[in-house]
């Protein structure tokens, strides 16, 4: 399951990185690439459901995939001057936290202990809060205006 999760998550992360770096090919073909990745994402979720020996493991797998997808959206839109994109970043971060707690703490908490399973959520939450705090200070000083 971790290999399948990696195969599903990596194209989204790479697409986000290429868009942030303003690689022209990815910016020009963003809609087509996104549709292909969505189809890829749905196919893997269906295979994950069909091939999983246990329904609860499949549901946890899907929760973790969706939480990682939300995390990628949160990261992609976190440093933006547009209010709509900032709202997507905040909602993605909150969704990631909620789904990760349910998805990771359930099975991983039993296997590895609660500290090990909650560490990624904690670190990502600290990073996101720091971004919001820095943006708040920049807004107060007049260095950041949302469009």
Protein backbone atom coordinates (compact mmCIF):
# COMPACT_ATOMS: atom_id res chain seq x y z
CA UNK A 1 0.00 0.00 0.00
CA UNK A 2 2.78 2.58 0.69
CA UNK A 3 4.15 2.10 -2.84
CA UNK A 4 0.70 2.66 -4.35
CA UNK A 5 0.26 5.76 -2.18
CA UNK A 6 3.61 7.07 -3.38
CA UNK A 7 2.65 6.46 -7.02
CA UNK A 8 -0.56 8.40 -6.51
CA UNK A 9 0.90 11.31 -4.55
CA UNK A 10 4.15 12.00 -6.39
CA UNK A 11 2.69 13.24 -9.70
CA UNK A 12 0.59 15.84 -7.83
CA UNK A 13 3.55 17.02 -5.81
CA UNK A 14 5.75 17.22 -8.92
CA UNK A 15 3.03 19.09 -10.83
CA UNK A 16 2.75 21.59 -8.01
CA UNK A 17 6.52 22.07 -7.93
CA UNK A 18 6.71 22.57 -11.71
CA UNK A 19 3.88 25.12 -11.60
CA UNK A 20 5.59 27.01 -8.74
CA UNK A 21 8.82 27.04 -10.74
CA UNK A 22 6.80 28.35 -13.71
CA UNK A 23 7.78 25.64 -16.17
CA UNK A 24 5.90 26.72 -19.31
CA UNK A 25 4.88 23.25 -20.51
CA UNK A 26 3.07 22.48 -17.26
CA UNK A 27 1.45 25.92 -16.99
CA UNK A 28 0.17 25.74 -20.58
CA UNK A 29 -1.19 22.18 -20.28
CA UNK A 30 -2.40 22.38 -16.68
CA UNK A 31 -6.02 21.41 -17.39
CA UNK A 32 -5.10 18.36 -19.47
CA UNK A 33 -2.49 17.20 -16.97
CA UNK A 34 -4.92 17.71 -14.08
CA UNK A 35 -7.64 15.65 -15.79
CA UNK A 36 -5.18 12.83 -16.47
CA UNK A 37 -4.00 12.92 -12.85
CA UNK A 38 -7.59 12.90 -11.54
CA UNK A 39 -8.38 9.84 -13.66
CA UNK A 40 -5.16 8.22 -12.43
CA UNK A 41 -6.14 9.05 -8.84
CA UNK A 42 -9.64 7.56 -9.19
CA UNK A 43 -8.37 4.39 -10.88
CA UNK A 44 -5.88 3.77 -8.06
CA UNK A 45 -8.55 4.35 -5.42
CA UNK A 46 -10.84 1.82 -7.11
CA UNK A 47 -7.98 -0.70 -7.35
CA UNK A 48 -7.15 -0.03 -3.72
CA UNK A 49 -10.72 -0.82 -2.73
CA UNK A 50 -10.93 -3.93 -4.89
CA UNK A 51 -7.55 -5.40 -3.99
CA UNK A 52 -7.65 -4.68 -0.28
CA UNK A 53 -8.28 -7.75 1.89
CA UNK A 54 -9.98 -5.66 4.54
CA UNK A 55 -12.45 -2.82 4.03
CA UNK A 56 -11.19 -0.86 7.04
CA UNK A 57 -7.64 -0.89 5.67
CA UNK A 58 -8.93 0.34 2.30
CA UNK A 59 -10.87 3.17 3.94
CA UNK A 60 -7.81 4.22 5.97
CA UNK A 61 -5.72 4.09 2.80
CA UNK A 62 -8.18 6.38 1.01
CA UNK A 63 -8.29 8.77 4.00
CA UNK A 64 -4.51 9.06 3.99
CA UNK A 65 -4.45 9.62 0.20
CA UNK A 66 -7.09 12.32 0.37
CA UNK A 67 -5.32 13.97 3.30
CA UNK A 68 -2.06 14.02 1.35
CA UNK A 69 -3.91 15.47 -1.66
CA UNK A 70 -5.29 18.21 0.60
CA UNK A 71 -1.80 18.81 1.97
CA UNK A 72 -0.46 19.29 -1.56
CA UNK A 73 -3.23 21.80 -2.32
CA UNK A 74 -2.52 23.54 0.99
CA UNK A 75 1.19 23.76 0.24
CA UNK A 76 0.61 24.93 -3.34
CA UNK A 77 -1.69 27.79 -2.36
CA UNK A 78 -0.12 28.68 1.00
CA UNK A 79 2.02 31.53 -0.30
CA UNK A 80 -0.45 33.42 -2.43
CA UNK A 81 -1.69 36.99 -2.57
CA UNK A 82 -5.16 35.96 -3.74
CA UNK A 83 -7.87 35.54 -1.11
CA UNK A 84 -9.54 32.59 -2.85
CA UNK A 85 -6.27 30.68 -3.04
CA UNK A 86 -5.51 31.53 0.60
CA UNK A 87 -8.93 30.16 1.61
CA UNK A 88 -8.19 26.96 -0.33
CA UNK A 89 -4.86 26.70 1.51
CA UNK A 90 -6.49 27.15 4.91
CA UNK A 91 -9.30 24.68 4.18
CA UNK A 92 -6.79 22.19 2.75
CA UNK A 93 -4.66 22.47 5.88
CA UNK A 94 -7.64 21.98 8.19
CA UNK A 95 -8.89 19.06 6.07
CA UNK A 96 -5.44 17.49 6.12
CA UNK A 97 -5.27 17.74 9.89
CA UNK A 98 -8.70 16.23 10.47
CA UNK A 99 -8.35 13.38 7.96
CA UNK A 100 -4.81 12.62 9.09
CA UNK A 101 -5.85 12.30 12.69
CA UNK A 102 -8.56 9.80 11.73
CA UNK A 103 -6.46 8.02 9.11
CA UNK A 104 -3.06 7.87 10.73
CA UNK A 105 -3.89 7.67 14.39
CA UNK A 106 -6.26 4.75 13.95
CA UNK A 107 -3.89 1.97 12.76
CA UNK A 108 -0.49 3.63 12.98
CA UNK A 109 -1.18 4.73 16.54
CA UNK A 110 -1.57 1.12 17.56
CA UNK A 111 1.48 -0.07 15.62
CA UNK A 112 3.97 2.71 16.27
CA UNK A 113 2.53 4.66 19.15
CA UNK A 114 0.67 7.96 19.12
CA UNK A 115 3.77 10.16 19.13
CA UNK A 116 5.21 8.59 15.98
CA UNK A 117 1.91 8.70 14.09
CA UNK A 118 1.08 12.29 15.05
CA UNK A 119 4.55 13.78 14.44
CA UNK A 120 3.95 14.53 10.71
CA UNK A 121 0.65 16.25 11.50
CA UNK A 122 2.32 18.28 14.24
CA UNK A 123 5.25 19.39 12.06
CA UNK A 124 3.06 20.33 9.11
CA UNK A 125 0.68 22.23 11.39
CA UNK A 126 3.57 24.22 12.87
CA UNK A 127 4.83 25.10 9.38
CA UNK A 128 1.41 26.21 8.20
CA UNK A 129 0.81 28.28 11.35
CA UNK A 130 4.20 29.95 10.86
CA UNK A 131 3.25 30.89 7.29
CA UNK A 132 -0.01 32.43 8.50
CA UNK A 133 1.73 34.32 11.33
CA UNK A 134 4.36 35.73 8.96
CA UNK A 135 1.66 36.81 6.52
CA UNK A 136 -0.25 38.47 9.37
CA UNK A 137 2.83 40.49 10.36
CA UNK A 138 3.45 41.42 6.73
CA UNK A 139 -0.17 42.60 6.38
CA UNK A 140 0.16 44.75 9.52
CA UNK A 141 3.29 46.39 8.13
CA UNK A 142 1.59 46.98 4.78
CA UNK A 143 3.93 44.68 2.86
CA UNK A 144 1.21 42.20 1.89
CA UNK A 145 -2.13 43.03 0.36
CA UNK A 146 -4.49 40.30 -0.77
CA UNK A 147 -6.14 40.67 -4.17
